């Protein structure tokens, strides 16, 4: 079995090759896990209430505060696996 960062990169490629676009809730979960894995806890100012997309993305990431990068990678990989099989 390959190492975690390699599996994570492969999962990113797999997401880009999905036959169907996942629902918005799944996309937000993927975004949050990706950001947590690559950037750590959410940083910066919460986008304004009228910027719905950026605010939803920020909130999806912020919900994962405190999660380790490795855990975020594992959850991302597991979620992508459910979408590709």
PDB file of N, CA and C in Angstrom:
ATOM      1  N   UNK A   1       0.848  -1.188   0.000  1.00  0.00           N
ATOM      2  CA  UNK A   1       0.000   0.000   0.000  1.00  0.00           C
ATOM      3  C   UNK A   1       0.889   1.246   0.000  1.00  0.00           C
ATOM      4  N   UNK A   2       0.499   2.209  -0.755  1.00  0.00           N
ATOM      5  CA  UNK A   2       1.306   3.420  -0.852  1.00  0.00           C
ATOM      6  C   UNK A   2       1.095   4.311   0.365  1.00  0.00           C
ATOM      7  N   UNK A   3       1.974   5.278   0.496  1.00  0.00           N
ATOM      8  CA  UNK A   3       1.902   6.161   1.654  1.00  0.00           C
ATOM      9  C   UNK A   3       0.721   7.118   1.543  1.00  0.00           C
ATOM     10  N   UNK A   4       0.345   7.715   2.669  1.00  0.00           N
ATOM     11  CA  UNK A   4      -0.843   8.562   2.754  1.00  0.00           C
ATOM     12  C   UNK A   4      -0.836   9.736   1.772  1.00  0.00           C
ATOM     13  N   UNK A   5       0.254  10.526   1.688  1.00  0.00           N
ATOM     14  CA  UNK A   5       0.236  11.633   0.717  1.00  0.00           C
ATOM     15  C   UNK A   5       0.032  11.169  -0.726  1.00  0.00           C
ATOM     16  N   UNK A   6       0.576  10.013  -1.076  1.00  0.00           N
ATOM     17  CA  UNK A   6       0.400   9.486  -2.424  1.00  0.00           C
ATOM     18  C   UNK A   6      -1.057   9.091  -2.655  1.00  0.00           C
ATOM     19  N   UNK A   7      -1.662   8.436  -1.670  1.00  0.00           N
ATOM     20  CA  UNK A   7      -3.073   8.066  -1.767  1.00  0.00           C
ATOM     21  C   UNK A   7      -3.945   9.314  -1.872  1.00  0.00           C
ATOM     22  N   UNK A   8      -3.588  10.353  -1.132  1.00  0.00           N
ATOM     23  CA  UNK A   8      -4.329  11.607  -1.144  1.00  0.00           C
ATOM     24  C   UNK A   8      -4.273  12.254  -2.531  1.00  0.00           C
ATOM     25  N   UNK A   9      -3.090  12.304  -3.109  1.00  0.00           N
ATOM     26  CA  UNK A   9      -2.941  12.862  -4.457  1.00  0.00           C
ATOM     27  C   UNK A   9      -3.744  12.051  -5.477  1.00  0.00           C
ATOM     28  N   UNK A  10      -3.732  10.735  -5.327  1.00  0.00           N
ATOM     29  CA  UNK A  10      -4.498   9.880  -6.235  1.00  0.00           C
ATOM     30  C   UNK A  10      -5.997  10.148  -6.081  1.00  0.00           C
ATOM     31  N   UNK A  11      -6.448  10.324  -4.842  1.00  0.00           N
ATOM     32  CA  UNK A  11      -7.867  10.618  -4.597  1.00  0.00           C
ATOM     33  C   UNK A  11      -8.262  11.945  -5.250  1.00  0.00           C
ATOM     34  N   UNK A  12      -7.361  12.929  -5.206  1.00  0.00           N
ATOM     35  CA  UNK A  12      -7.634  14.217  -5.866  1.00  0.00           C
ATOM     36  C   UNK A  12      -7.819  14.005  -7.371  1.00  0.00           C
ATOM     37  N   UNK A  13      -6.974  13.197  -7.957  1.00  0.00           N
ATOM     38  CA  UNK A  13      -7.093  12.912  -9.388  1.00  0.00           C
ATOM     39  C   UNK A  13      -8.392  12.161  -9.682  1.00  0.00           C
ATOM     40  N   UNK A  14      -8.737  11.236  -8.792  1.00  0.00           N
ATOM     41  CA  UNK A  14      -9.963  10.462  -8.972  1.00  0.00           C
ATOM     42  C   UNK A  14     -11.195  11.364  -8.943  1.00  0.00           C
ATOM     43  N   UNK A  15     -11.195  12.359  -8.057  1.00  0.00           N
ATOM     44  CA  UNK A  15     -12.320  13.300  -7.973  1.00  0.00           C
ATOM     45  C   UNK A  15     -12.469  14.050  -9.293  1.00  0.00           C
ATOM     46  N   UNK A  16     -11.362  14.465  -9.863  1.00  0.00           N
ATOM     47  CA  UNK A  16     -11.420  15.211 -11.117  1.00  0.00           C
ATOM     48  C   UNK A  16     -11.919  14.361 -12.276  1.00  0.00           C
ATOM     49  N   UNK A  17     -11.845  13.047 -12.139  1.00  0.00           N
ATOM     50  CA  UNK A  17     -12.279  12.164 -13.204  1.00  0.00           C
ATOM     51  C   UNK A  17     -13.634  11.516 -12.979  1.00  0.00           C
ATOM     52  N   UNK A  18     -14.390  11.991 -11.993  1.00  0.00           N
ATOM     53  CA  UNK A  18     -15.695  11.395 -11.718  1.00  0.00           C
ATOM     54  C   UNK A  18     -16.635  11.553 -12.906  1.00  0.00           C
ATOM     55  N   UNK A  19     -17.412  10.521 -13.164  1.00  0.00           N
ATOM     56  CA  UNK A  19     -18.369  10.558 -14.264  1.00  0.00           C
ATOM     57  C   UNK A  19     -19.516  11.525 -13.970  1.00  0.00           C
ATOM     58  N   UNK A  20     -19.915  11.593 -12.710  1.00  0.00           N
ATOM     59  CA  UNK A  20     -21.001  12.487 -12.307  1.00  0.00           C
ATOM     60  C   UNK A  20     -20.517  13.435 -11.226  1.00  0.00           C
ATOM     61  N   UNK A  21     -21.043  14.646 -11.258  1.00  0.00           N
ATOM     62  CA  UNK A  21     -20.707  15.650 -10.250  1.00  0.00           C
ATOM     63  C   UNK A  21     -21.416  15.290  -8.950  1.00  0.00           C
ATOM     64  N   UNK A  22     -20.690  15.223  -7.830  1.00  0.00           N
ATOM     65  CA  UNK A  22     -21.333  14.936  -6.543  1.00  0.00           C
ATOM     66  C   UNK A  22     -22.295  16.062  -6.144  1.00  0.00           C
ATOM     67  N   UNK A  23     -23.193  15.750  -5.204  1.00  0.00           N
ATOM     68  CA  UNK A  23     -24.111  16.775  -4.722  1.00  0.00           C
ATOM     69  C   UNK A  23     -23.335  17.843  -3.944  1.00  0.00           C
ATOM     70  N   UNK A  24     -23.981  18.967  -3.695  1.00  0.00           N
ATOM     71  CA  UNK A  24     -23.314  20.096  -3.050  1.00  0.00           C
ATOM     72  C   UNK A  24     -22.787  19.768  -1.667  1.00  0.00           C
ATOM     73  N   UNK A  25     -23.522  18.993  -0.886  1.00  0.00           N
ATOM     74  CA  UNK A  25     -23.067  18.634   0.455  1.00  0.00           C
ATOM     75  C   UNK A  25     -21.762  17.842   0.385  1.00  0.00           C
ATOM     76  N   UNK A  26     -21.678  16.932  -0.570  1.00  0.00           N
ATOM     77  CA  UNK A  26     -20.458  16.131  -0.737  1.00  0.00           C
ATOM     78  C   UNK A  26     -19.309  17.005  -1.223  1.00  0.00           C
ATOM     79  N   UNK A  27     -19.598  17.904  -2.155  1.00  0.00           N
ATOM     80  CA  UNK A  27     -18.551  18.813  -2.627  1.00  0.00           C
ATOM     81  C   UNK A  27     -18.013  19.680  -1.495  1.00  0.00           C
ATOM     82  N   UNK A  28     -18.897  20.161  -0.632  1.00  0.00           N
ATOM     83  CA  UNK A  28     -18.445  20.971   0.507  1.00  0.00           C
ATOM     84  C   UNK A  28     -17.610  20.139   1.469  1.00  0.00           C
ATOM     85  N   UNK A  29     -18.005  18.896   1.690  1.00  0.00           N
ATOM     86  CA  UNK A  29     -17.237  18.014   2.564  1.00  0.00           C
ATOM     87  C   UNK A  29     -15.846  17.764   1.973  1.00  0.00           C
ATOM     88  N   UNK A  30     -15.794  17.504   0.673  1.00  0.00           N
ATOM     89  CA  UNK A  30     -14.503  17.306   0.009  1.00  0.00           C
ATOM     90  C   UNK A  30     -13.634  18.551   0.135  1.00  0.00           C
ATOM     91  N   UNK A  31     -14.232  19.704  -0.085  1.00  0.00           N
ATOM     92  CA  UNK A  31     -13.489  20.960   0.009  1.00  0.00           C
ATOM     93  C   UNK A  31     -12.932  21.148   1.418  1.00  0.00           C
ATOM     94  N   UNK A  32     -13.784  20.969   2.424  1.00  0.00           N
ATOM     95  CA  UNK A  32     -13.343  21.148   3.803  1.00  0.00           C
ATOM     96  C   UNK A  32     -12.211  20.202   4.169  1.00  0.00           C
ATOM     97  N   UNK A  33     -12.348  18.950   3.796  1.00  0.00           N
ATOM     98  CA  UNK A  33     -11.299  17.973   4.097  1.00  0.00           C
ATOM     99  C   UNK A  33     -10.003  18.302   3.359  1.00  0.00           C
ATOM    100  N   UNK A  34     -10.127  18.714   2.099  1.00  0.00           N
ATOM    101  CA  UNK A  34      -8.937  19.082   1.335  1.00  0.00           C
ATOM    102  C   UNK A  34      -8.214  20.248   1.997  1.00  0.00           C
ATOM    103  N   UNK A  35      -8.957  21.286   2.341  1.00  0.00           N
ATOM    104  CA  UNK A  35      -8.345  22.464   2.955  1.00  0.00           C
ATOM    105  C   UNK A  35      -7.727  22.118   4.308  1.00  0.00           C
ATOM    106  N   UNK A  36      -8.410  21.305   5.100  1.00  0.00           N
ATOM    107  CA  UNK A  36      -7.875  20.923   6.411  1.00  0.00           C
ATOM    108  C   UNK A  36      -6.595  20.125   6.239  1.00  0.00           C
ATOM    109  N   UNK A  37      -6.566  19.247   5.234  1.00  0.00           N
ATOM    110  CA  UNK A  37      -5.386  18.413   4.989  1.00  0.00           C
ATOM    111  C   UNK A  37      -4.209  19.230   4.477  1.00  0.00           C
ATOM    112  N   UNK A  38      -4.493  20.260   3.689  1.00  0.00           N
ATOM    113  CA  UNK A  38      -3.404  20.997   3.046  1.00  0.00           C
ATOM    114  C   UNK A  38      -3.047  22.313   3.719  1.00  0.00           C
ATOM    115  N   UNK A  39      -3.984  22.908   4.465  1.00  0.00           N
ATOM    116  CA  UNK A  39      -3.726  24.226   5.049  1.00  0.00           C
ATOM    117  C   UNK A  39      -3.941  24.283   6.557  1.00  0.00           C
ATOM    118  N   UNK A  40      -4.482  23.221   7.145  1.00  0.00           N
ATOM    119  CA  UNK A  40      -4.746  23.248   8.581  1.00  0.00           C
ATOM    120  C   UNK A  40      -6.060  23.955   8.884  1.00  0.00           C
ATOM    121  N   UNK A  41      -6.200  24.408  10.125  1.00  0.00           N
ATOM    122  CA  UNK A  41      -7.443  25.046  10.551  1.00  0.00           C
ATOM    123  C   UNK A  41      -7.769  26.276   9.715  1.00  0.00           C
ATOM    124  N   UNK A  42      -9.064  26.526   9.567  1.00  0.00           N
ATOM    125  CA  UNK A  42      -9.544  27.671   8.786  1.00  0.00           C
ATOM    126  C   UNK A  42      -8.942  28.958   9.316  1.00  0.00           C
ATOM    127  N   UNK A  43      -8.558  29.802   8.399  1.00  0.00           N
ATOM    128  CA  UNK A  43      -7.950  31.077   8.764  1.00  0.00           C
ATOM    129  C   UNK A  43      -8.590  32.175   7.936  1.00  0.00           C
ATOM    130  N   UNK A  44      -8.431  33.378   8.401  1.00  0.00           N
ATOM    131  CA  UNK A  44      -8.991  34.510   7.673  1.00  0.00           C
ATOM    132  C   UNK A  44     -10.376  34.838   8.176  1.00  0.00           C
ATOM    133  N   UNK A  45     -10.928  35.837   7.569  1.00  0.00           N
ATOM    134  CA  UNK A  45     -12.223  36.338   7.991  1.00  0.00           C
ATOM    135  C   UNK A  45     -13.356  35.556   7.314  1.00  0.00           C
ATOM    136  N   UNK A  46     -14.411  35.293   8.073  1.00  0.00           N
ATOM    137  CA  UNK A  46     -15.592  34.640   7.531  1.00  0.00           C
ATOM    138  C   UNK A  46     -16.192  35.530   6.452  1.00  0.00           C
ATOM    139  N   UNK A  47     -16.400  34.990   5.248  1.00  0.00           N
ATOM    140  CA  UNK A  47     -16.989  35.803   4.177  1.00  0.00           C
ATOM    141  C   UNK A  47     -18.374  36.318   4.562  1.00  0.00           C
ATOM    142  N   UNK A  48     -18.755  37.423   3.987  1.00  0.00           N
ATOM    143  CA  UNK A  48     -20.037  38.046   4.281  1.00  0.00           C
ATOM    144  C   UNK A  48     -21.216  37.144   3.957  1.00  0.00           C
ATOM    145  N   UNK A  49     -22.341  37.442   4.572  1.00  0.00           N
ATOM    146  CA  UNK A  49     -23.530  36.622   4.437  1.00  0.00           C
ATOM    147  C   UNK A  49     -24.093  36.555   3.029  1.00  0.00           C
ATOM    148  N   UNK A  50     -23.806  37.532   2.198  1.00  0.00           N
ATOM    149  CA  UNK A  50     -24.336  37.519   0.838  1.00  0.00           C
ATOM    150  C   UNK A  50     -23.432  36.785  -0.144  1.00  0.00           C
ATOM    151  N   UNK A  51     -22.248  36.431   0.291  1.00  0.00           N
ATOM    152  CA  UNK A  51     -21.326  35.649  -0.537  1.00  0.00           C
ATOM    153  C   UNK A  51     -21.527  34.180  -0.173  1.00  0.00           C
ATOM    154  N   UNK A  52     -22.652  33.633  -0.634  1.00  0.00           N
ATOM    155  CA  UNK A  52     -23.113  32.327  -0.187  1.00  0.00           C
ATOM    156  C   UNK A  52     -22.119  31.199  -0.447  1.00  0.00           C
ATOM    157  N   UNK A  53     -21.525  31.178  -1.615  1.00  0.00           N
ATOM    158  CA  UNK A  53     -20.618  30.086  -1.968  1.00  0.00           C
ATOM    159  C   UNK A  53     -19.365  30.121  -1.099  1.00  0.00           C
ATOM    160  N   UNK A  54     -18.715  31.277  -1.038  1.00  0.00           N
ATOM    161  CA  UNK A  54     -17.487  31.378  -0.230  1.00  0.00           C
ATOM    162  C   UNK A  54     -17.780  31.123   1.243  1.00  0.00           C
ATOM    163  N   UNK A  55     -18.919  31.592   1.727  1.00  0.00           N
ATOM    164  CA  UNK A  55     -19.270  31.386   3.129  1.00  0.00           C
ATOM    165  C   UNK A  55     -19.494  29.898   3.413  1.00  0.00           C
ATOM    166  N   UNK A  56     -20.203  29.205   2.531  1.00  0.00           N
ATOM    167  CA  UNK A  56     -20.448  27.774   2.715  1.00  0.00           C
ATOM    168  C   UNK A  56     -19.135  26.987   2.695  1.00  0.00           C
ATOM    169  N   UNK A  57     -18.245  27.344   1.794  1.00  0.00           N
ATOM    170  CA  UNK A  57     -16.958  26.670   1.725  1.00  0.00           C
ATOM    171  C   UNK A  57     -16.142  26.915   2.995  1.00  0.00           C
ATOM    172  N   UNK A  58     -16.127  28.164   3.457  1.00  0.00           N
ATOM    173  CA  UNK A  58     -15.390  28.493   4.672  1.00  0.00           C
ATOM    174  C   UNK A  58     -15.962  27.724   5.859  1.00  0.00           C
ATOM    175  N   UNK A  59     -17.285  27.683   5.976  1.00  0.00           N
ATOM    176  CA  UNK A  59     -17.917  26.985   7.100  1.00  0.00           C
ATOM    177  C   UNK A  59     -17.636  25.482   7.052  1.00  0.00           C
ATOM    178  N   UNK A  60     -17.623  24.890   5.853  1.00  0.00           N
ATOM    179  CA  UNK A  60     -17.306  23.466   5.713  1.00  0.00           C
ATOM    180  C   UNK A  60     -15.891  23.181   6.190  1.00  0.00           C
ATOM    181  N   UNK A  61     -14.983  24.098   5.919  1.00  0.00           N
ATOM    182  CA  UNK A  61     -13.589  23.951   6.355  1.00  0.00           C
ATOM    183  C   UNK A  61     -13.487  24.202   7.854  1.00  0.00           C
ATOM    184  N   UNK A  62     -14.137  25.250   8.336  1.00  0.00           N
ATOM    185  CA  UNK A  62     -14.055  25.630   9.747  1.00  0.00           C
ATOM    186  C   UNK A  62     -14.607  24.544  10.668  1.00  0.00           C
ATOM    187  N   UNK A  63     -15.598  23.792  10.207  1.00  0.00           N
ATOM    188  CA  UNK A  63     -16.175  22.702  11.006  1.00  0.00           C
ATOM    189  C   UNK A  63     -15.141  21.638  11.350  1.00  0.00           C
ATOM    190  N   UNK A  64     -14.065  21.587  10.613  1.00  0.00           N
ATOM    191  CA  UNK A  64     -13.044  20.554  10.809  1.00  0.00           C
ATOM    192  C   UNK A  64     -11.870  21.042  11.654  1.00  0.00           C
ATOM    193  N   UNK A  65     -11.972  22.226  12.212  1.00  0.00           N
ATOM    194  CA  UNK A  65     -10.882  22.776  13.033  1.00  0.00           C
ATOM    195  C   UNK A  65     -10.469  21.777  14.102  1.00  0.00           C
ATOM    196  N   UNK A  66      -9.173  21.621  14.238  1.00  0.00           N
ATOM    197  CA  UNK A  66      -8.626  20.705  15.229  1.00  0.00           C
ATOM    198  C   UNK A  66      -8.313  19.326  14.672  1.00  0.00           C
ATOM    199  N   UNK A  67      -8.850  19.004  13.507  1.00  0.00           N
ATOM    200  CA  UNK A  67      -8.571  17.706  12.889  1.00  0.00           C
ATOM    201  C   UNK A  67      -7.157  17.726  12.325  1.00  0.00           C
ATOM    202  N   UNK A  68      -6.433  16.637  12.529  1.00  0.00           N
ATOM    203  CA  UNK A  68      -5.069  16.565  11.999  1.00  0.00           C
ATOM    204  C   UNK A  68      -5.102  16.435  10.486  1.00  0.00           C
ATOM    205  N   UNK A  69      -4.002  16.818   9.858  1.00  0.00           N
ATOM    206  CA  UNK A  69      -3.891  16.706   8.403  1.00  0.00           C
ATOM    207  C   UNK A  69      -4.019  15.252   7.966  1.00  0.00           C
ATOM    208  N   UNK A  70      -3.421  14.338   8.712  1.00  0.00           N
ATOM    209  CA  UNK A  70      -3.505  12.919   8.351  1.00  0.00           C
ATOM    210  C   UNK A  70      -4.939  12.407   8.417  1.00  0.00           C
ATOM    211  N   UNK A  71      -5.671  12.793   9.464  1.00  0.00           N
ATOM    212  CA  UNK A  71      -7.070  12.366   9.567  1.00  0.00           C
ATOM    213  C   UNK A  71      -7.898  12.943   8.424  1.00  0.00           C
ATOM    214  N   UNK A  72      -7.643  14.205   8.079  1.00  0.00           N
ATOM    215  CA  UNK A  72      -8.374  14.823   6.975  1.00  0.00           C
ATOM    216  C   UNK A  72      -8.066  14.108   5.665  1.00  0.00           C
ATOM    217  N   UNK A  73      -6.805  13.749   5.451  1.00  0.00           N
ATOM    218  CA  UNK A  73      -6.441  13.014   4.240  1.00  0.00           C
ATOM    219  C   UNK A  73      -7.156  11.667   4.190  1.00  0.00           C
ATOM    220  N   UNK A  74      -7.150  10.955   5.317  1.00  0.00           N
ATOM    221  CA  UNK A  74      -7.800   9.635   5.356  1.00  0.00           C
ATOM    222  C   UNK A  74      -9.298   9.753   5.047  1.00  0.00           C
ATOM    223  N   UNK A  75      -9.945  10.731   5.665  1.00  0.00           N
ATOM    224  CA  UNK A  75     -11.381  10.905   5.426  1.00  0.00           C
ATOM    225  C   UNK A  75     -11.658  11.309   3.977  1.00  0.00           C
ATOM    226  N   UNK A  76     -10.805  12.142   3.414  1.00  0.00           N
ATOM    227  CA  UNK A  76     -10.932  12.548   2.012  1.00  0.00           C
ATOM    228  C   UNK A  76     -10.820  11.315   1.117  1.00  0.00           C
ATOM    229  N   UNK A  77      -9.790  10.509   1.356  1.00  0.00           N
ATOM    230  CA  UNK A  77      -9.560   9.291   0.569  1.00  0.00           C
ATOM    231  C   UNK A  77     -10.760   8.362   0.675  1.00  0.00           C
ATOM    232  N   UNK A  78     -11.273   8.177   1.892  1.00  0.00           N
ATOM    233  CA  UNK A  78     -12.420   7.290   2.105  1.00  0.00           C
ATOM    234  C   UNK A  78     -13.669   7.812   1.394  1.00  0.00           C
ATOM    235  N   UNK A  79     -13.898   9.122   1.463  1.00  0.00           N
ATOM    236  CA  UNK A  79     -15.063   9.704   0.799  1.00  0.00           C
ATOM    237  C   UNK A  79     -14.954   9.560  -0.718  1.00  0.00           C
ATOM    238  N   UNK A  80     -13.787   9.818  -1.256  1.00  0.00           N
ATOM    239  CA  UNK A  80     -13.594   9.672  -2.710  1.00  0.00           C
ATOM    240  C   UNK A  80     -13.827   8.199  -3.106  1.00  0.00           C
ATOM    241  N   UNK A  81     -13.387   7.289  -2.285  1.00  0.00           N
ATOM    242  CA  UNK A  81     -13.576   5.854  -2.594  1.00  0.00           C
ATOM    243  C   UNK A  81     -15.058   5.518  -2.717  1.00  0.00           C
ATOM    244  N   UNK A  82     -15.900   6.130  -1.906  1.00  0.00           N
ATOM    245  CA  UNK A  82     -17.342   5.869  -1.997  1.00  0.00           C
ATOM    246  C   UNK A  82     -17.925   6.447  -3.288  1.00  0.00           C
ATOM    247  N   UNK A  83     -17.290   7.456  -3.824  1.00  0.00           N
ATOM    248  CA  UNK A  83     -17.797   8.101  -5.044  1.00  0.00           C
ATOM    249  C   UNK A  83     -17.323   7.409  -6.312  1.00  0.00           C
ATOM    250  N   UNK A  84     -16.238   6.665  -6.214  1.00  0.00           N
ATOM    251  CA  UNK A  84     -15.658   6.049  -7.404  1.00  0.00           C
ATOM    252  C   UNK A  84     -16.010   4.576  -7.538  1.00  0.00           C
ATOM    253  N   UNK A  85     -16.638   4.015  -6.527  1.00  0.00           N
ATOM    254  CA  UNK A  85     -16.963   2.574  -6.586  1.00  0.00           C
ATOM    255  C   UNK A  85     -18.427   2.325  -6.501  1.00  0.00           C
TER     256      UNK A  85
END
